[in-house]
N, C-alpha and C. Protein backbone atom coordinates (compact mmCIF):
# COMPACT_ATOMS: atom_id res chain seq x y z
N MET A 1 -6.91 12.59 7.82
CA MET A 1 -7.58 11.09 7.91
C MET A 1 -8.66 11.86 6.54
N ASN A 2 -9.22 10.59 6.28
CA ASN A 2 -10.16 10.69 4.99
C ASN A 2 -11.78 10.92 5.44
N TYR A 3 -12.58 12.00 5.81
CA TYR A 3 -13.92 12.04 6.86
C TYR A 3 -15.18 11.10 6.11
N LEU A 4 -14.59 10.72 4.38
CA LEU A 4 -15.62 10.44 3.47
C LEU A 4 -15.58 8.72 3.87
N ARG A 5 -14.36 8.18 4.67
CA ARG A 5 -13.67 6.77 4.78
C ARG A 5 -13.08 6.82 5.59
N PRO A 6 -13.58 6.84 7.12
CA PRO A 6 -12.95 7.21 8.39
C PRO A 6 -12.07 5.81 8.24
N ASN A 7 -12.59 4.53 7.90
CA ASN A 7 -12.17 3.37 8.19
C ASN A 7 -10.42 2.77 7.55
N LEU A 8 -10.06 3.97 6.56
CA LEU A 8 -8.99 3.54 5.96
C LEU A 8 -8.22 3.88 6.48
N LYS A 9 -6.19 2.52 6.55
CA LYS A 9 -5.85 2.86 7.33
C LYS A 9 -4.19 3.40 6.50
N ARG A 10 -3.44 4.44 7.17
CA ARG A 10 -2.79 5.14 6.86
C ARG A 10 -1.87 5.03 7.68
N GLY A 11 -0.47 5.19 6.81
CA GLY A 11 0.65 5.38 7.42
C GLY A 11 1.77 3.70 7.26
N ASN A 12 2.24 3.13 8.49
CA ASN A 12 3.20 2.44 8.91
C ASN A 12 2.69 0.96 8.00
N TYR A 13 3.32 0.49 7.21
CA TYR A 13 2.65 -0.86 6.50
C TYR A 13 3.44 -2.11 7.34
N THR A 14 2.63 -3.11 7.49
CA THR A 14 3.19 -4.09 7.97
C THR A 14 4.19 -5.29 7.36
N GLU A 15 4.84 -5.98 7.49
CA GLU A 15 5.97 -6.55 6.81
C GLU A 15 5.16 -7.67 6.02
N GLU A 16 3.89 -7.80 6.29
CA GLU A 16 2.79 -8.99 5.47
C GLU A 16 2.34 -7.70 4.01
N GLU A 17 2.28 -7.13 4.30
CA GLU A 17 1.58 -6.10 3.54
C GLU A 17 2.31 -5.72 2.79
N GLN A 18 3.49 -5.47 3.03
CA GLN A 18 5.02 -4.87 2.21
C GLN A 18 5.21 -6.35 0.72
N LEU A 19 5.23 -7.30 1.47
CA LEU A 19 5.57 -8.26 0.35
C LEU A 19 4.32 -8.79 -0.12
N MET A 20 2.97 -8.43 0.15
CA MET A 20 2.05 -8.50 -0.60
C MET A 20 2.08 -7.68 -1.97
N ILE A 21 2.56 -6.01 -1.25
CA ILE A 21 2.29 -5.65 -2.59
C ILE A 21 3.76 -5.78 -3.63
N ILE A 22 4.55 -6.32 -2.79
CA ILE A 22 5.82 -6.04 -4.07
C ILE A 22 5.34 -7.63 -4.82
N LYS A 23 4.51 -8.48 -4.18
CA LYS A 23 4.08 -10.27 -5.27
C LYS A 23 3.75 -9.48 -5.77
N LEU A 24 2.22 -8.32 -5.65
CA LEU A 24 1.12 -8.43 -6.80
C LEU A 24 1.95 -7.03 -7.75
N HIS A 25 2.36 -6.20 -7.47
CA HIS A 25 3.37 -4.96 -8.21
C HIS A 25 4.18 -6.06 -9.48
N GLY A 26 4.55 -7.22 -8.78
CA GLY A 26 5.89 -8.17 -10.21
C GLY A 26 4.53 -8.49 -10.71
N GLU A 27 3.50 -9.12 -10.30
CA GLU A 27 2.22 -9.88 -11.31
C GLU A 27 1.94 -8.75 -11.71
N LEU A 28 0.94 -7.69 -11.69
CA LEU A 28 -0.18 -6.79 -12.22
C LEU A 28 0.70 -5.71 -12.44
N GLY A 29 1.99 -5.13 -12.07
CA GLY A 29 3.10 -4.23 -12.78
C GLY A 29 1.65 -3.20 -11.92
N ASN A 30 1.62 -2.02 -12.74
CA ASN A 30 1.51 -0.50 -11.60
C ASN A 30 0.05 0.07 -12.02
N LYS A 31 -0.95 -1.39 -11.90
CA LYS A 31 -2.29 -1.77 -11.77
C LYS A 31 -2.79 -0.78 -10.28
N TRP A 32 -2.14 -0.03 -9.96
CA TRP A 32 -2.64 0.24 -7.96
C TRP A 32 -3.94 0.18 -7.49
N SER A 33 -4.85 -0.10 -8.12
CA SER A 33 -6.25 0.02 -7.52
C SER A 33 -6.53 -1.07 -6.85
N MET A 34 -6.05 -2.70 -8.19
CA MET A 34 -5.89 -3.64 -8.01
C MET A 34 -5.17 -4.28 -7.29
N ILE A 35 -4.26 -3.26 -7.05
CA ILE A 35 -3.18 -3.94 -5.52
C ILE A 35 -3.73 -2.99 -4.40
N ALA A 36 -4.51 -2.58 -4.52
CA ALA A 36 -5.29 -1.76 -3.41
C ALA A 36 -6.34 -2.57 -2.69
N ALA A 37 -6.88 -3.15 -3.87
CA ALA A 37 -8.02 -4.07 -3.81
C ALA A 37 -7.77 -5.46 -3.03
N SER A 38 -6.36 -5.74 -2.74
CA SER A 38 -5.93 -7.15 -1.99
C SER A 38 -5.91 -6.53 -0.96
N LEU A 39 -5.52 -5.33 -0.81
CA LEU A 39 -4.95 -5.07 0.73
C LEU A 39 -6.39 -4.55 1.45
N THR A 40 -6.54 -4.86 2.61
CA THR A 40 -7.54 -4.22 3.69
C THR A 40 -7.12 -2.44 3.67
N ARG A 41 -8.50 -2.32 3.39
CA ARG A 41 -8.13 -0.56 3.80
C ARG A 41 -6.82 -0.03 3.75
N ARG A 42 -6.87 -0.40 2.45
CA ARG A 42 -5.72 1.08 1.86
C ARG A 42 -5.95 1.31 0.49
N ILE A 43 -5.14 3.21 0.45
CA ILE A 43 -5.84 2.79 -1.49
C ILE A 43 -5.01 2.69 -2.45
N ASP A 44 -5.02 3.24 -3.11
CA ASP A 44 -4.22 3.17 -4.15
C ASP A 44 -3.09 4.05 -4.27
N ASN A 45 -3.39 5.36 -4.19
CA ASN A 45 -2.10 6.40 -4.15
C ASN A 45 -1.48 5.95 -2.93
N ASP A 46 -1.58 5.89 -2.04
CA ASP A 46 -0.22 5.35 -0.91
C ASP A 46 0.01 4.35 -1.33
N ILE A 47 -0.37 2.99 -2.03
CA ILE A 47 0.87 1.98 -2.28
C ILE A 47 1.47 2.21 -2.99
N LYS A 48 0.61 3.59 -4.32
CA LYS A 48 2.17 3.57 -5.73
C LYS A 48 2.98 4.76 -4.61
N LYS A 49 2.80 5.23 -3.76
CA LYS A 49 3.94 5.81 -3.11
C LYS A 49 5.03 5.61 -2.32
N THR A 50 4.24 4.16 -2.05
CA THR A 50 5.48 3.17 -1.21
C THR A 50 6.52 2.53 -1.66
N THR A 51 6.22 2.19 -3.30
CA THR A 51 6.95 1.45 -4.36
C THR A 51 8.11 1.46 -4.77
N GLY A 52 8.09 3.01 -4.58
CA GLY A 52 9.50 4.12 -5.07
C GLY A 52 11.12 3.85 -3.32
N ARG A 53 10.28 3.60 -2.86
CA ARG A 53 10.63 3.52 -1.25
C ARG A 53 11.59 2.19 -0.67
N SER A 54 12.67 2.38 -0.22
CA SER A 54 12.82 0.67 0.45
C SER A 54 11.79 0.71 1.76
N PRO A 55 12.13 -0.45 2.05
CA PRO A 55 11.21 -0.91 3.78
C PRO A 55 11.56 -0.04 4.53
N GLU A 56 12.86 0.33 5.01
CA GLU A 56 13.50 1.06 6.33
C GLU A 56 12.38 2.48 6.15
N GLU A 57 12.25 3.35 5.29
CA GLU A 57 11.26 4.30 4.34
C GLU A 57 10.03 4.05 4.63
N VAL A 58 9.58 3.34 4.56
CA VAL A 58 7.90 2.46 4.76
C VAL A 58 8.05 2.98 6.29
N HIS A 59 8.68 1.90 6.76
CA HIS A 59 8.52 1.83 8.53
C HIS A 59 8.81 3.07 9.41
N GLN A 60 9.26 4.18 9.04
CA GLN A 60 9.16 5.25 9.08
C GLN A 60 8.66 6.12 9.12
N GLU A 61 7.45 6.36 8.16
CA GLU A 61 6.11 7.03 8.08
C GLU A 61 5.10 7.25 9.54
C-alpha cells in the first residue's frame, strides 16, 4: 500500500486496461508516465513491469 497515495490501484489489470496499455505502448513507446496518466489510479512503474509479461501472468498477480 502506498500511504502517501492510498487511492492507487495495485494488482490485477482489467482486460480494458491491458488493451489500453498495449495500444499506448505502441503509440508512445517507453513513456511510462504518459501511459500511466491515461489510466486511472495506476503508476508508471507498475505499468512498466507488466509490459514484458503475458496477459496470463498479469492476471495471476
